[in-house]
Amino acid sequence: MTQVTRTVRIGSAHGLHARPAKLFAQAAKDAGIPVTLAKGDAKPVNAASILGVISLGIEQGDEVTLTVDGDGAEAVADTLTELLATDHDAE
């Protein structure tokens, strides 16, 4: 089983609030394999849970740790890294 871990800097101007968190959590859920997200030393949360993602209180510029387990983990990590690094608050 493949495990991929990435450290990503958050791009959204207002951090992972409702809209970017929803986009991210939905993409993690759609991946169909286990994905977790952690900020600092906090316990990792299920990335497919919008409430879990929002509970981390992630702000712009924060570094988070994304962990993806399973077949296709590299591609899923690429997609989710892109979502986290993009500013979804830009017009």
PDB file of N, CA and C in Angstrom:
ATOM      1  N   MET A   1       0.853  -1.182   0.000  1.00  0.00           N
ATOM      2  CA  MET A   1       0.000   0.000   0.000  1.00  0.00           C
ATOM      3  C   MET A   1       0.896   1.240   0.000  1.00  0.00           C
ATOM      4  N   THR A   2       0.565   2.159  -0.841  1.00  0.00           N
ATOM      5  CA  THR A   2       1.347   3.377  -0.979  1.00  0.00           C
ATOM      6  C   THR A   2       0.860   4.443  -0.006  1.00  0.00           C
ATOM      7  N   GLN A   3       1.801   5.111   0.654  1.00  0.00           N
ATOM      8  CA  GLN A   3       1.446   6.258   1.481  1.00  0.00           C
ATOM      9  C   GLN A   3       2.257   7.453   0.997  1.00  0.00           C
ATOM     10  N   VAL A   4       1.563   8.572   0.765  1.00  0.00           N
ATOM     11  CA  VAL A   4       2.212   9.789   0.311  1.00  0.00           C
ATOM     12  C   VAL A   4       1.918  10.880   1.337  1.00  0.00           C
ATOM     13  N   THR A   5       2.986  11.570   1.775  1.00  0.00           N
ATOM     14  CA  THR A   5       2.819  12.672   2.721  1.00  0.00           C
ATOM     15  C   THR A   5       3.395  13.923   2.093  1.00  0.00           C
ATOM     16  N   ARG A   6       2.642  15.008   2.164  1.00  0.00           N
ATOM     17  CA  ARG A   6       3.091  16.287   1.614  1.00  0.00           C
ATOM     18  C   ARG A   6       2.888  17.391   2.641  1.00  0.00           C
ATOM     19  N   THR A   7       3.810  18.348   2.656  1.00  0.00           N
ATOM     20  CA  THR A   7       3.625  19.557   3.451  1.00  0.00           C
ATOM     21  C   THR A   7       3.248  20.647   2.466  1.00  0.00           C
ATOM     22  N   VAL A   8       2.129  21.322   2.726  1.00  0.00           N
ATOM     23  CA  VAL A   8       1.584  22.300   1.786  1.00  0.00           C
ATOM     24  C   VAL A   8       1.326  23.619   2.505  1.00  0.00           C
ATOM     25  N   ARG A   9       1.663  24.732   1.839  1.00  0.00           N
ATOM     26  CA  ARG A   9       1.335  26.056   2.374  1.00  0.00           C
ATOM     27  C   ARG A   9      -0.016  26.474   1.787  1.00  0.00           C
ATOM     28  N   ILE A  10      -0.922  26.925   2.655  1.00  0.00           N
ATOM     29  CA  ILE A  10      -2.286  27.288   2.247  1.00  0.00           C
ATOM     30  C   ILE A  10      -2.298  28.575   1.429  1.00  0.00           C
ATOM     31  N   GLY A  11      -2.988  28.527   0.274  1.00  0.00           N
ATOM     32  CA  GLY A  11      -3.012  29.668  -0.629  1.00  0.00           C
ATOM     33  C   GLY A  11      -4.205  30.596  -0.473  1.00  0.00           C
ATOM     34  N   SER A  12      -5.351  30.080  -0.008  1.00  0.00           N
ATOM     35  CA  SER A  12      -6.549  30.919   0.065  1.00  0.00           C
ATOM     36  C   SER A  12      -6.355  32.084   1.020  1.00  0.00           C
ATOM     37  N   ALA A  13      -6.732  33.277   0.567  1.00  0.00           N
ATOM     38  CA  ALA A  13      -6.536  34.508   1.335  1.00  0.00           C
ATOM     39  C   ALA A  13      -7.173  34.446   2.722  1.00  0.00           C
ATOM     40  N   HIS A  14      -8.272  33.721   2.845  1.00  0.00           N
ATOM     41  CA  HIS A  14      -8.957  33.628   4.136  1.00  0.00           C
ATOM     42  C   HIS A  14      -8.800  32.240   4.763  1.00  0.00           C
ATOM     43  N   GLY A  15      -7.807  31.487   4.308  1.00  0.00           N
ATOM     44  CA  GLY A  15      -7.572  30.166   4.872  1.00  0.00           C
ATOM     45  C   GLY A  15      -8.611  29.152   4.408  1.00  0.00           C
ATOM     46  N   LEU A  16      -8.697  28.038   5.138  1.00  0.00           N
ATOM     47  CA  LEU A  16      -9.656  26.990   4.758  1.00  0.00           C
ATOM     48  C   LEU A  16     -10.975  27.226   5.487  1.00  0.00           C
ATOM     49  N   HIS A  17     -11.689  28.262   5.076  1.00  0.00           N
ATOM     50  CA  HIS A  17     -13.028  28.516   5.609  1.00  0.00           C
ATOM     51  C   HIS A  17     -14.017  27.702   4.780  1.00  0.00           C
ATOM     52  N   ALA A  18     -15.311  27.962   4.937  1.00  0.00           N
ATOM     53  CA  ALA A  18     -16.354  27.103   4.377  1.00  0.00           C
ATOM     54  C   ALA A  18     -16.173  26.692   2.917  1.00  0.00           C
ATOM     55  N   ARG A  19     -16.015  27.653   1.987  1.00  0.00           N
ATOM     56  CA  ARG A  19     -15.995  27.276   0.570  1.00  0.00           C
ATOM     57  C   ARG A  19     -14.763  26.453   0.186  1.00  0.00           C
ATOM     58  N   PRO A  20     -13.539  26.945   0.471  1.00  0.00           N
ATOM     59  CA  PRO A  20     -12.378  26.110   0.113  1.00  0.00           C
ATOM     60  C   PRO A  20     -12.345  24.795   0.898  1.00  0.00           C
ATOM     61  N   ALA A  21     -12.795  24.813   2.145  1.00  0.00           N
ATOM     62  CA  ALA A  21     -12.819  23.576   2.942  1.00  0.00           C
ATOM     63  C   ALA A  21     -13.785  22.571   2.313  1.00  0.00           C
ATOM     64  N   LYS A  22     -14.926  23.070   1.813  1.00  0.00           N
ATOM     65  CA  LYS A  22     -15.912  22.188   1.178  1.00  0.00           C
ATOM     66  C   LYS A  22     -15.339  21.587  -0.103  1.00  0.00           C
ATOM     67  N   LEU A  23     -14.682  22.419  -0.927  1.00  0.00           N
ATOM     68  CA  LEU A  23     -14.056  21.929  -2.168  1.00  0.00           C
ATOM     69  C   LEU A  23     -13.024  20.852  -1.853  1.00  0.00           C
ATOM     70  N   PHE A  24     -12.187  21.131  -0.845  1.00  0.00           N
ATOM     71  CA  PHE A  24     -11.120  20.207  -0.464  1.00  0.00           C
ATOM     72  C   PHE A  24     -11.696  18.899   0.091  1.00  0.00           C
ATOM     73  N   ALA A  25     -12.646  19.020   1.030  1.00  0.00           N
ATOM     74  CA  ALA A  25     -13.221  17.827   1.661  1.00  0.00           C
ATOM     75  C   ALA A  25     -13.942  16.958   0.627  1.00  0.00           C
ATOM     76  N   GLN A  26     -14.648  17.600  -0.322  1.00  0.00           N
ATOM     77  CA  GLN A  26     -15.355  16.842  -1.355  1.00  0.00           C
ATOM     78  C   GLN A  26     -14.361  16.087  -2.243  1.00  0.00           C
ATOM     79  N   ALA A  27     -13.264  16.753  -2.605  1.00  0.00           N
ATOM     80  CA  ALA A  27     -12.237  16.107  -3.435  1.00  0.00           C
ATOM     81  C   ALA A  27     -11.592  14.947  -2.680  1.00  0.00           C
ATOM     82  N   ALA A  28     -11.363  15.126  -1.381  1.00  0.00           N
ATOM     83  CA  ALA A  28     -10.779  14.053  -0.561  1.00  0.00           C
ATOM     84  C   ALA A  28     -11.747  12.870  -0.493  1.00  0.00           C
ATOM     85  N   LYS A  29     -13.036  13.175  -0.321  1.00  0.00           N
ATOM     86  CA  LYS A  29     -14.059  12.122  -0.259  1.00  0.00           C
ATOM     87  C   LYS A  29     -14.142  11.379  -1.592  1.00  0.00           C
ATOM     88  N   ASP A  30     -14.130  12.137  -2.697  1.00  0.00           N
ATOM     89  CA  ASP A  30     -14.228  11.553  -4.032  1.00  0.00           C
ATOM     90  C   ASP A  30     -13.035  10.657  -4.375  1.00  0.00           C
ATOM     91  N   ALA A  31     -11.904  10.880  -3.700  1.00  0.00           N
ATOM     92  CA  ALA A  31     -10.703  10.089  -3.969  1.00  0.00           C
ATOM     93  C   ALA A  31     -10.932   8.608  -3.653  1.00  0.00           C
ATOM     94  N   GLY A  32     -11.801   8.337  -2.683  1.00  0.00           N
ATOM     95  CA  GLY A  32     -12.137   6.959  -2.350  1.00  0.00           C
ATOM     96  C   GLY A  32     -11.065   6.207  -1.577  1.00  0.00           C
ATOM     97  N   ILE A  33     -10.037   6.914  -1.133  1.00  0.00           N
ATOM     98  CA  ILE A  33      -8.992   6.301  -0.298  1.00  0.00           C
ATOM     99  C   ILE A  33      -8.776   7.205   0.919  1.00  0.00           C
ATOM    100  N   PRO A  34      -8.204   6.666   2.018  1.00  0.00           N
ATOM    101  CA  PRO A  34      -8.040   7.473   3.225  1.00  0.00           C
ATOM    102  C   PRO A  34      -7.102   8.671   3.022  1.00  0.00           C
ATOM    103  N   VAL A  35      -7.590   9.851   3.444  1.00  0.00           N
ATOM    104  CA  VAL A  35      -6.807  11.078   3.364  1.00  0.00           C
ATOM    105  C   VAL A  35      -6.944  11.793   4.702  1.00  0.00           C
ATOM    106  N   THR A  36      -5.816  12.209   5.279  1.00  0.00           N
ATOM    107  CA  THR A  36      -5.885  12.991   6.515  1.00  0.00           C
ATOM    108  C   THR A  36      -5.158  14.314   6.315  1.00  0.00           C
ATOM    109  N   LEU A  37      -5.527  15.280   7.166  1.00  0.00           N
ATOM    110  CA  LEU A  37      -4.929  16.606   7.131  1.00  0.00           C
ATOM    111  C   LEU A  37      -4.585  16.992   8.557  1.00  0.00           C
ATOM    112  N   ALA A  38      -3.398  17.543   8.758  1.00  0.00           N
ATOM    113  CA  ALA A  38      -2.990  17.961  10.100  1.00  0.00           C
ATOM    114  C   ALA A  38      -2.314  19.322  10.027  1.00  0.00           C
ATOM    115  N   LYS A  39      -2.477  20.099  11.106  1.00  0.00           N
ATOM    116  CA  LYS A  39      -1.817  21.393  11.220  1.00  0.00           C
ATOM    117  C   LYS A  39      -0.933  21.333  12.457  1.00  0.00           C
ATOM    118  N   GLY A  40       0.357  21.575  12.261  1.00  0.00           N
ATOM    119  CA  GLY A  40       1.293  21.543  13.392  1.00  0.00           C
ATOM    120  C   GLY A  40       1.289  20.189  14.069  1.00  0.00           C
ATOM    121  N   ASP A  41       1.238  20.208  15.407  1.00  0.00           N
ATOM    122  CA  ASP A  41       1.270  18.965  16.174  1.00  0.00           C
ATOM    123  C   ASP A  41      -0.119  18.415  16.468  1.00  0.00           C
ATOM    124  N   ALA A  42      -1.141  19.073  15.916  1.00  0.00           N
ATOM    125  CA  ALA A  42      -2.516  18.629  16.173  1.00  0.00           C
ATOM    126  C   ALA A  42      -2.752  17.246  15.580  1.00  0.00           C
ATOM    127  N   LYS A  43      -3.716  16.541  16.153  1.00  0.00           N
ATOM    128  CA  LYS A  43      -4.092  15.220  15.672  1.00  0.00           C
ATOM    129  C   LYS A  43      -4.654  15.365  14.252  1.00  0.00           C
ATOM    130  N   PRO A  44      -4.235  14.508  13.324  1.00  0.00           N
ATOM    131  CA  PRO A  44      -4.770  14.585  11.957  1.00  0.00           C
ATOM    132  C   PRO A  44      -6.273  14.327  11.935  1.00  0.00           C
ATOM    133  N   VAL A  45      -6.966  15.011  11.030  1.00  0.00           N
ATOM    134  CA  VAL A  45      -8.407  14.803  10.872  1.00  0.00           C
ATOM    135  C   VAL A  45      -8.665  14.132   9.527  1.00  0.00           C
ATOM    136  N   ASN A  46      -9.837  13.509   9.403  1.00  0.00           N
ATOM    137  CA  ASN A  46     -10.274  12.922   8.145  1.00  0.00           C
ATOM    138  C   ASN A  46     -10.503  14.080   7.167  1.00  0.00           C
ATOM    139  N   ALA A  47      -9.745  14.122   6.089  1.00  0.00           N
ATOM    140  CA  ALA A  47      -9.826  15.230   5.134  1.00  0.00           C
ATOM    141  C   ALA A  47     -11.163  15.268   4.400  1.00  0.00           C
ATOM    142  N   ALA A  48     -11.920  14.168   4.413  1.00  0.00           N
ATOM    143  CA  ALA A  48     -13.215  14.138   3.745  1.00  0.00           C
ATOM    144  C   ALA A  48     -14.320  14.734   4.628  1.00  0.00           C
ATOM    145  N   SER A  49     -13.968  15.109   5.862  1.00  0.00           N
ATOM    146  CA  SER A  49     -14.932  15.704   6.790  1.00  0.00           C
ATOM    147  C   SER A  49     -14.776  17.217   6.792  1.00  0.00           C
ATOM    148  N   ILE A  50     -15.777  17.929   6.247  1.00  0.00           N
ATOM    149  CA  ILE A  50     -15.677  19.387   6.196  1.00  0.00           C
ATOM    150  C   ILE A  50     -15.557  19.975   7.600  1.00  0.00           C
ATOM    151  N   LEU A  51     -16.275  19.402   8.567  1.00  0.00           N
ATOM    152  CA  LEU A  51     -16.189  19.910   9.945  1.00  0.00           C
ATOM    153  C   LEU A  51     -14.803  19.665  10.524  1.00  0.00           C
ATOM    154  N   GLY A  52     -14.237  18.507  10.218  1.00  0.00           N
ATOM    155  CA  GLY A  52     -12.888  18.208  10.681  1.00  0.00           C
ATOM    156  C   GLY A  52     -11.876  19.194  10.117  1.00  0.00           C
ATOM    157  N   VAL A  53     -11.991  19.467   8.816  1.00  0.00           N
ATOM    158  CA  VAL A  53     -11.074  20.386   8.143  1.00  0.00           C
ATOM    159  C   VAL A  53     -11.209  21.796   8.736  1.00  0.00           C
ATOM    160  N   ILE A  54     -12.449  22.276   8.893  1.00  0.00           N
ATOM    161  CA  ILE A  54     -12.673  23.612   9.451  1.00  0.00           C
ATOM    162  C   ILE A  54     -12.175  23.695  10.896  1.00  0.00           C
ATOM    163  N   SER A  55     -12.311  22.588  11.646  1.00  0.00           N
ATOM    164  CA  SER A  55     -11.918  22.579  13.063  1.00  0.00           C
ATOM    165  C   SER A  55     -10.418  22.826  13.267  1.00  0.00           C
ATOM    166  N   LEU A  56      -9.623  22.622  12.210  1.00  0.00           N
ATOM    167  CA  LEU A  56      -8.176  22.850  12.328  1.00  0.00           C
ATOM    168  C   LEU A  56      -7.833  24.344  12.376  1.00  0.00           C
ATOM    169  N   GLY A  57      -8.783  25.199  11.967  1.00  0.00           N
ATOM    170  CA  GLY A  57      -8.549  26.647  12.014  1.00  0.00           C
ATOM    171  C   GLY A  57      -7.379  27.073  11.140  1.00  0.00           C
ATOM    172  N   ILE A  58      -7.343  26.594   9.918  1.00  0.00           N
ATOM    173  CA  ILE A  58      -6.216  26.836   9.015  1.00  0.00           C
ATOM    174  C   ILE A  58      -6.340  28.206   8.356  1.00  0.00           C
ATOM    175  N   GLU A  59      -5.278  28.998   8.466  1.00  0.00           N
ATOM    176  CA  GLU A  59      -5.235  30.350   7.901  1.00  0.00           C
ATOM    177  C   GLU A  59      -4.311  30.386   6.681  1.00  0.00           C
ATOM    178  N   GLN A  60      -4.399  31.461   5.899  1.00  0.00           N
ATOM    179  CA  GLN A  60      -3.502  31.621   4.747  1.00  0.00           C
ATOM    180  C   GLN A  60      -2.054  31.581   5.227  1.00  0.00           C
ATOM    181  N   GLY A  61      -1.211  30.874   4.484  1.00  0.00           N
ATOM    182  CA  GLY A  61       0.210  30.794   4.811  1.00  0.00           C
ATOM    183  C   GLY A  61       0.551  29.695   5.798  1.00  0.00           C
ATOM    184  N   ASP A  62      -0.460  29.108   6.453  1.00  0.00           N
ATOM    185  CA  ASP A  62      -0.200  27.996   7.375  1.00  0.00           C
ATOM    186  C   ASP A  62       0.322  26.806   6.576  1.00  0.00           C
ATOM    187  N   GLU A  63       1.183  26.032   7.217  1.00  0.00           N
ATOM    188  CA  GLU A  63       1.640  24.792   6.594  1.00  0.00           C
ATOM    189  C   GLU A  63       0.859  23.636   7.196  1.00  0.00           C
ATOM    190  N   VAL A  64       0.362  22.773   6.331  1.00  0.00           N
ATOM    191  CA  VAL A  64      -0.398  21.604   6.771  1.00  0.00           C
ATOM    192  C   VAL A  64       0.255  20.349   6.210  1.00  0.00           C
ATOM    193  N   THR A  65      -0.019  19.231   6.858  1.00  0.00           N
ATOM    194  CA  THR A  65       0.507  17.950   6.402  1.00  0.00           C
ATOM    195  C   THR A  65      -0.644  17.119   5.860  1.00  0.00           C
ATOM    196  N   LEU A  66      -0.510  16.768   4.597  1.00  0.00           N
ATOM    197  CA  LEU A  66      -1.507  15.972   3.892  1.00  0.00           C
ATOM    198  C   LEU A  66      -0.957  14.551   3.779  1.00  0.00           C
ATOM    199  N   THR A  67      -1.757  13.565   4.192  1.00  0.00           N
ATOM    200  CA  THR A  67      -1.328  12.168   4.084  1.00  0.00           C
ATOM    201  C   THR A  67      -2.400  11.386   3.332  1.00  0.00           C
ATOM    202  N   VAL A  68      -1.965  10.681   2.290  1.00  0.00           N
ATOM    203  CA  VAL A  68      -2.878   9.911   1.448  1.00  0.00           C
ATOM    204  C   VAL A  68      -2.396   8.465   1.432  1.00  0.00           C
ATOM    205  N   ASP A  69      -3.315   7.513   1.696  1.00  0.00           N
ATOM    206  CA  ASP A  69      -2.986   6.087   1.727  1.00  0.00           C
ATOM    207  C   ASP A  69      -3.757   5.327   0.671  1.00  0.00           C
ATOM    208  N   GLY A  70      -3.057   4.495  -0.093  1.00  0.00           N
ATOM    209  CA  GLY A  70      -3.761   3.592  -1.000  1.00  0.00           C
ATOM    210  C   GLY A  70      -3.311   3.704  -2.437  1.00  0.00           C
ATOM    211  N   ASP A  71      -3.981   2.925  -3.290  1.00  0.00           N
ATOM    212  CA  ASP A  71      -3.674   2.924  -4.716  1.00  0.00           C
ATOM    213  C   ASP A  71      -3.986   4.291  -5.305  1.00  0.00           C
ATOM    214  N   GLY A  72      -3.062   4.823  -6.085  1.00  0.00           N
ATOM    215  CA  GLY A  72      -3.266   6.124  -6.706  1.00  0.00           C
ATOM    216  C   GLY A  72      -2.999   7.290  -5.765  1.00  0.00           C
ATOM    217  N   ALA A  73      -2.347   7.020  -4.638  1.00  0.00           N
ATOM    218  CA  ALA A  73      -2.106   8.055  -3.625  1.00  0.00           C
ATOM    219  C   ALA A  73      -1.348   9.260  -4.191  1.00  0.00           C
ATOM    220  N   GLU A  74      -0.399   8.997  -5.069  1.00  0.00           N
ATOM    221  CA  GLU A  74       0.416  10.088  -5.643  1.00  0.00           C
ATOM    222  C   GLU A  74      -0.461  11.073  -6.425  1.00  0.00           C
ATOM    223  N   ALA A  75      -1.339  10.548  -7.279  1.00  0.00           N
ATOM    224  CA  ALA A  75      -2.222  11.399  -8.082  1.00  0.00           C
ATOM    225  C   ALA A  75      -3.212  12.163  -7.202  1.00  0.00           C
ATOM    226  N   VAL A  76      -3.758  11.475  -6.192  1.00  0.00           N
ATOM    227  CA  VAL A  76      -4.694  12.127  -5.266  1.00  0.00           C
ATOM    228  C   VAL A  76      -3.965  13.244  -4.513  1.00  0.00           C
ATOM    229  N   ALA A  77      -2.749  12.969  -4.047  1.00  0.00           N
ATOM    230  CA  ALA A  77      -1.965  13.978  -3.331  1.00  0.00           C
ATOM    231  C   ALA A  77      -1.689  15.184  -4.228  1.00  0.00           C
ATOM    232  N   ASP A  78      -1.405  14.935  -5.508  1.00  0.00           N
ATOM    233  CA  ASP A  78      -1.172  16.036  -6.458  1.00  0.00           C
ATOM    234  C   ASP A  78      -2.408  16.933  -6.559  1.00  0.00           C
ATOM    235  N   THR A  79      -3.574  16.309  -6.735  1.00  0.00           N
ATOM    236  CA  THR A  79      -4.828  17.055  -6.876  1.00  0.00           C
ATOM    237  C   THR A  79      -5.130  17.865  -5.615  1.00  0.00           C
ATOM    238  N   LEU A  80      -5.018  17.221  -4.450  1.00  0.00           N
ATOM    239  CA  LEU A  80      -5.353  17.895  -3.189  1.00  0.00           C
ATOM    240  C   LEU A  80      -4.338  18.980  -2.837  1.00  0.00           C
ATOM    241  N   THR A  81      -3.068  18.747  -3.175  1.00  0.00           N
ATOM    242  CA  THR A  81      -2.034  19.764  -2.940  1.00  0.00           C
ATOM    243  C   THR A  81      -2.359  21.018  -3.741  1.00  0.00           C
ATOM    244  N   GLU A  82      -2.766  20.810  -4.988  1.00  0.00           N
ATOM    245  CA  GLU A  82      -3.139  21.920  -5.872  1.00  0.00           C
ATOM    246  C   GLU A  82      -4.309  22.708  -5.274  1.00  0.00           C
ATOM    247  N   LEU A  83      -5.320  22.000  -4.754  1.00  0.00           N
ATOM    248  CA  LEU A  83      -6.474  22.662  -4.149  1.00  0.00           C
ATOM    249  C   LEU A  83      -6.063  23.498  -2.937  1.00  0.00           C
ATOM    250  N   LEU A  84      -5.181  22.941  -2.101  1.00  0.00           N
ATOM    251  CA  LEU A  84      -4.745  23.652  -0.893  1.00  0.00           C
ATOM    252  C   LEU A  84      -3.899  24.872  -1.214  1.00  0.00           C
ATOM    253  N   ALA A  85      -3.081  24.782  -2.258  1.00  0.00           N
ATOM    254  CA  ALA A  85      -2.150  25.863  -2.584  1.00  0.00           C
ATOM    255  C   ALA A  85      -2.799  26.987  -3.398  1.00  0.00           C
ATOM    256  N   THR A  86      -3.988  26.728  -3.955  1.00  0.00           N
ATOM    257  CA  THR A  86      -4.687  27.725  -4.787  1.00  0.00           C
ATOM    258  C   THR A  86      -5.450  28.713  -3.912  1.00  0.00           C
ATOM    259  N   ASP A  87      -5.466  29.986  -4.322  1.00  0.00           N
ATOM    260  CA  ASP A  87      -6.260  30.988  -3.603  1.00  0.00           C
ATOM    261  C   ASP A  87      -7.678  30.952  -4.156  1.00  0.00           C
ATOM    262  N   HIS A  88      -8.581  30.285  -3.417  1.00  0.00           N
ATOM    263  CA  HIS A  88      -9.978  30.185  -3.852  1.00  0.00           C
ATOM    264  C   HIS A  88     -10.766  31.451  -3.534  1.00  0.00           C
ATOM    265  N   ASP A  89     -10.116  32.425  -2.883  1.00  0.00           N
ATOM    266  CA  ASP A  89     -10.790  33.681  -2.542  1.00  0.00           C
ATOM    267  C   ASP A  89     -10.490  34.761  -3.569  1.00  0.00           C
ATOM    268  N   ALA A  90      -9.598  34.470  -4.510  1.00  0.00           N
ATOM    269  CA  ALA A  90      -9.263  35.454  -5.553  1.00  0.00           C
ATOM    270  C   ALA A  90     -10.436  35.550  -6.530  1.00  0.00           C
ATOM    271  N   GLU A  91     -10.642  36.732  -7.037  1.00  0.00           N
ATOM    272  CA  GLU A  91     -11.752  36.920  -7.996  1.00  0.00           C
ATOM    273  C   GLU A  91     -11.319  36.453  -9.366  1.00  0.00           C
TER     274      GLU A  91
END
